[in-house]
Structures are given as C-alpha cells and as structure tokens.
C-alpha cells in the first residue's frame, strides 16, 4: 500500500523544478510514492529530470523541510519477459511498485 502522506510544493521549488526540467507544469501537491510509512523521509515524483534514467523528486521530512533532488530511476523490473519496471528511484527502501498486491499502482498516478 502506498504512503498516504501528501505535501504541497512550495512556489520557489516549483519554479526551480520548471527551470531544471523541460516540464511546463509542476503539480502543486505530490503524494509520497514509497510504501506506507510514518517515519523518515517522503518522496513525491515531480517530473523527468531531462537526463535519461533520472527524475526530479520532492523530498520532505516533517512539515517545514522540503527540497528538490535528482535521483536515478530504479533499474529493477518484475520477473518475467514482460516484467513491469519499478516506478521509484534507485536504492529506495522496502518494496518495488510492482510488488504491491493490495492496489494497482501506475507510475503516473
């Protein structure tokens, strides 16, 4: 199950995100894409970073701390010849997005 934490994207970080990527639009709020957790850092996907295999994420901890980070994509895919790729970043904790049995999660939702 996906983490239920959401975070508004501060205007200065949204502006910076648009400058760092080709995206014209950045969401005003993002949901943490990691598996359900209450402690530690949360990560919300903003957009592709422009360089192949990287994405721009909003990382936050608590209500006051947020920053933009460029992280490499997770290289792991589900077993099988048509295995779905993980929608998270490399070295994420816990399970891959395709391992979630409780709900269908797509990389764009």
C-alpha atoms as a PDB file:
ATOM      1  CA  UNK A   1       0.000   0.000   0.000  1.00  0.00           C
ATOM      2  CA  UNK A   2       1.317   3.443  -0.913  1.00  0.00           C
ATOM      3  CA  UNK A   3       2.201   6.033   1.737  1.00  0.00           C
ATOM      4  CA  UNK A   4      -0.730   8.358   2.468  1.00  0.00           C
ATOM      5  CA  UNK A   5       1.386  11.481   3.062  1.00  0.00           C
ATOM      6  CA  UNK A   6       0.954  14.448   0.713  1.00  0.00           C
ATOM      7  CA  UNK A   7       2.995  17.658   0.521  1.00  0.00           C
ATOM      8  CA  UNK A   8       2.314  20.951  -1.170  1.00  0.00           C
ATOM      9  CA  UNK A   9       5.140  22.001  -3.470  1.00  0.00           C
ATOM     10  CA  UNK A  10       6.494  25.378  -2.292  1.00  0.00           C
ATOM     11  CA  UNK A  11       6.307  28.007  -5.057  1.00  0.00           C
ATOM     12  CA  UNK A  12      10.068  28.595  -5.086  1.00  0.00           C
ATOM     13  CA  UNK A  13      10.710  24.854  -5.511  1.00  0.00           C
ATOM     14  CA  UNK A  14       8.052  24.573  -8.246  1.00  0.00           C
ATOM     15  CA  UNK A  15       9.748  27.432 -10.099  1.00  0.00           C
ATOM     16  CA  UNK A  16      13.152  25.771  -9.669  1.00  0.00           C
ATOM     17  CA  UNK A  17      11.728  22.429 -10.859  1.00  0.00           C
ATOM     18  CA  UNK A  18      10.411  24.042 -14.061  1.00  0.00           C
ATOM     19  CA  UNK A  19      13.849  25.556 -14.677  1.00  0.00           C
ATOM     20  CA  UNK A  20      15.615  22.205 -14.146  1.00  0.00           C
ATOM     21  CA  UNK A  21      13.340  20.235 -16.471  1.00  0.00           C
ATOM     22  CA  UNK A  22      11.516  20.589 -19.742  1.00  0.00           C
ATOM     23  CA  UNK A  23       8.169  20.412 -17.925  1.00  0.00           C
ATOM     24  CA  UNK A  24       5.932  23.438 -18.311  1.00  0.00           C
ATOM     25  CA  UNK A  25       3.686  22.318 -15.468  1.00  0.00           C
ATOM     26  CA  UNK A  26       4.583  21.049 -11.997  1.00  0.00           C
ATOM     27  CA  UNK A  27       1.859  19.720  -9.688  1.00  0.00           C
ATOM     28  CA  UNK A  28       1.031  21.933  -6.698  1.00  0.00           C
ATOM     29  CA  UNK A  29       0.990  18.895  -4.380  1.00  0.00           C
ATOM     30  CA  UNK A  30       2.527  15.407  -4.523  1.00  0.00           C
ATOM     31  CA  UNK A  31       1.888  12.127  -2.741  1.00  0.00           C
ATOM     32  CA  UNK A  32       4.762  10.110  -1.312  1.00  0.00           C
ATOM     33  CA  UNK A  33       5.422   7.246  -3.751  1.00  0.00           C
ATOM     34  CA  UNK A  34       7.022   4.913  -1.200  1.00  0.00           C
ATOM     35  CA  UNK A  35       5.262   2.063   0.569  1.00  0.00           C
ATOM     36  CA  UNK A  36       3.184   3.045   3.605  1.00  0.00           C
ATOM     37  CA  UNK A  37       5.333   4.504   6.398  1.00  0.00           C
ATOM     38  CA  UNK A  38       5.065   7.211   9.038  1.00  0.00           C
ATOM     39  CA  UNK A  39       8.694   7.852   9.961  1.00  0.00           C
ATOM     40  CA  UNK A  40      11.542   9.206   7.864  1.00  0.00           C
ATOM     41  CA  UNK A  41      11.682  10.914   4.510  1.00  0.00           C
ATOM     42  CA  UNK A  42       8.914  11.073   1.926  1.00  0.00           C
ATOM     43  CA  UNK A  43       9.418  11.311  -1.849  1.00  0.00           C
ATOM     44  CA  UNK A  44       6.947  12.717  -4.377  1.00  0.00           C
ATOM     45  CA  UNK A  45       7.642  12.460  -8.112  1.00  0.00           C
ATOM     46  CA  UNK A  46       7.632  15.815  -9.914  1.00  0.00           C
ATOM     47  CA  UNK A  47       8.897  15.102 -13.456  1.00  0.00           C
ATOM     48  CA  UNK A  48      11.644  13.528 -15.545  1.00  0.00           C
ATOM     49  CA  UNK A  49      14.907  15.331 -14.938  1.00  0.00           C
ATOM     50  CA  UNK A  50      15.891  15.567 -18.597  1.00  0.00           C
ATOM     51  CA  UNK A  51      18.872  13.200 -18.379  1.00  0.00           C
ATOM     52  CA  UNK A  52      17.963   9.654 -19.393  1.00  0.00           C
ATOM     53  CA  UNK A  53      17.154   7.430 -16.411  1.00  0.00           C
ATOM     54  CA  UNK A  54      16.701  10.207 -13.850  1.00  0.00           C
ATOM     55  CA  UNK A  55      13.743  12.017 -12.333  1.00  0.00           C
ATOM     56  CA  UNK A  56      13.166  15.104 -10.236  1.00  0.00           C
ATOM     57  CA  UNK A  57      11.642  14.368  -6.831  1.00  0.00           C
ATOM     58  CA  UNK A  58      10.399  16.445  -3.918  1.00  0.00           C
ATOM     59  CA  UNK A  59      11.911  15.054  -0.713  1.00  0.00           C
ATOM     60  CA  UNK A  60      10.448  16.114   2.612  1.00  0.00           C
ATOM     61  CA  UNK A  61      10.609  15.274   6.285  1.00  0.00           C
ATOM     62  CA  UNK A  62       8.046  16.855   8.539  1.00  0.00           C
ATOM     63  CA  UNK A  63       6.061  19.945   7.582  1.00  0.00           C
ATOM     64  CA  UNK A  64       8.837  22.518   7.184  1.00  0.00           C
ATOM     65  CA  UNK A  65      11.639  20.738   5.341  1.00  0.00           C
ATOM     66  CA  UNK A  66      11.390  20.145   1.582  1.00  0.00           C
ATOM     67  CA  UNK A  67      13.961  20.057  -1.217  1.00  0.00           C
ATOM     68  CA  UNK A  68      14.344  19.058  -4.853  1.00  0.00           C
ATOM     69  CA  UNK A  69      16.526  16.047  -5.595  1.00  0.00           C
ATOM     70  CA  UNK A  70      17.502  14.410  -8.896  1.00  0.00           C
ATOM     71  CA  UNK A  71      17.604  10.646  -8.445  1.00  0.00           C
ATOM     72  CA  UNK A  72      18.399   7.791 -10.836  1.00  0.00           C
ATOM     73  CA  UNK A  73      15.489   5.517 -11.768  1.00  0.00           C
ATOM     74  CA  UNK A  74      15.220   2.120 -10.068  1.00  0.00           C
ATOM     75  CA  UNK A  75      16.634  -0.429 -12.548  1.00  0.00           C
ATOM     76  CA  UNK A  76      14.673  -3.419 -11.186  1.00  0.00           C
ATOM     77  CA  UNK A  77      11.839  -4.973 -13.185  1.00  0.00           C
ATOM     78  CA  UNK A  78       9.305  -7.609 -12.218  1.00  0.00           C
ATOM     79  CA  UNK A  79      10.229 -11.187 -13.063  1.00  0.00           C
ATOM     80  CA  UNK A  80       9.226 -12.486 -16.483  1.00  0.00           C
ATOM     81  CA  UNK A  81       9.757 -11.405 -20.052  1.00  0.00           C
ATOM     82  CA  UNK A  82       7.166  -8.626 -19.854  1.00  0.00           C
ATOM     83  CA  UNK A  83       8.101  -7.518 -16.328  1.00  0.00           C
ATOM     84  CA  UNK A  84       6.902  -4.066 -15.361  1.00  0.00           C
ATOM     85  CA  UNK A  85       9.632  -1.681 -14.262  1.00  0.00           C
ATOM     86  CA  UNK A  86       9.701  -0.137 -10.797  1.00  0.00           C
ATOM     87  CA  UNK A  87       8.462   3.480 -10.814  1.00  0.00           C
ATOM     88  CA  UNK A  88      10.695   4.567  -7.923  1.00  0.00           C
ATOM     89  CA  UNK A  89      14.319   5.689  -7.695  1.00  0.00           C
ATOM     90  CA  UNK A  90      17.417   3.531  -7.241  1.00  0.00           C
ATOM     91  CA  UNK A  91      18.179   2.424  -3.683  1.00  0.00           C
ATOM     92  CA  UNK A  92      14.672   3.058  -2.359  1.00  0.00           C
ATOM     93  CA  UNK A  93      13.691   1.257   0.804  1.00  0.00           C
ATOM     94  CA  UNK A  94      11.174  -1.581   1.014  1.00  0.00           C
ATOM     95  CA  UNK A  95       9.256  -2.959  -1.948  1.00  0.00           C
ATOM     96  CA  UNK A  96       9.149  -2.090  -5.631  1.00  0.00           C
ATOM     97  CA  UNK A  97       5.964  -0.581  -7.051  1.00  0.00           C
ATOM     98  CA  UNK A  98       5.054  -3.793  -8.891  1.00  0.00           C
ATOM     99  CA  UNK A  99       5.259  -5.811  -5.649  1.00  0.00           C
ATOM    100  CA  UNK A 100       2.228  -4.085  -4.152  1.00  0.00           C
ATOM    101  CA  UNK A 101      -0.515  -6.737  -4.052  1.00  0.00           C
ATOM    102  CA  UNK A 102      -3.138  -4.542  -2.422  1.00  0.00           C
ATOM    103  CA  UNK A 103      -3.650  -1.953  -5.142  1.00  0.00           C
ATOM    104  CA  UNK A 104      -2.742  -1.308  -8.745  1.00  0.00           C
ATOM    105  CA  UNK A 105      -0.177   1.483  -8.859  1.00  0.00           C
ATOM    106  CA  UNK A 106       0.943   3.067 -12.077  1.00  0.00           C
ATOM    107  CA  UNK A 107       3.966   5.327 -12.469  1.00  0.00           C
ATOM    108  CA  UNK A 108       1.722   8.235 -13.417  1.00  0.00           C
ATOM    109  CA  UNK A 109      -0.884   8.048 -10.656  1.00  0.00           C
END
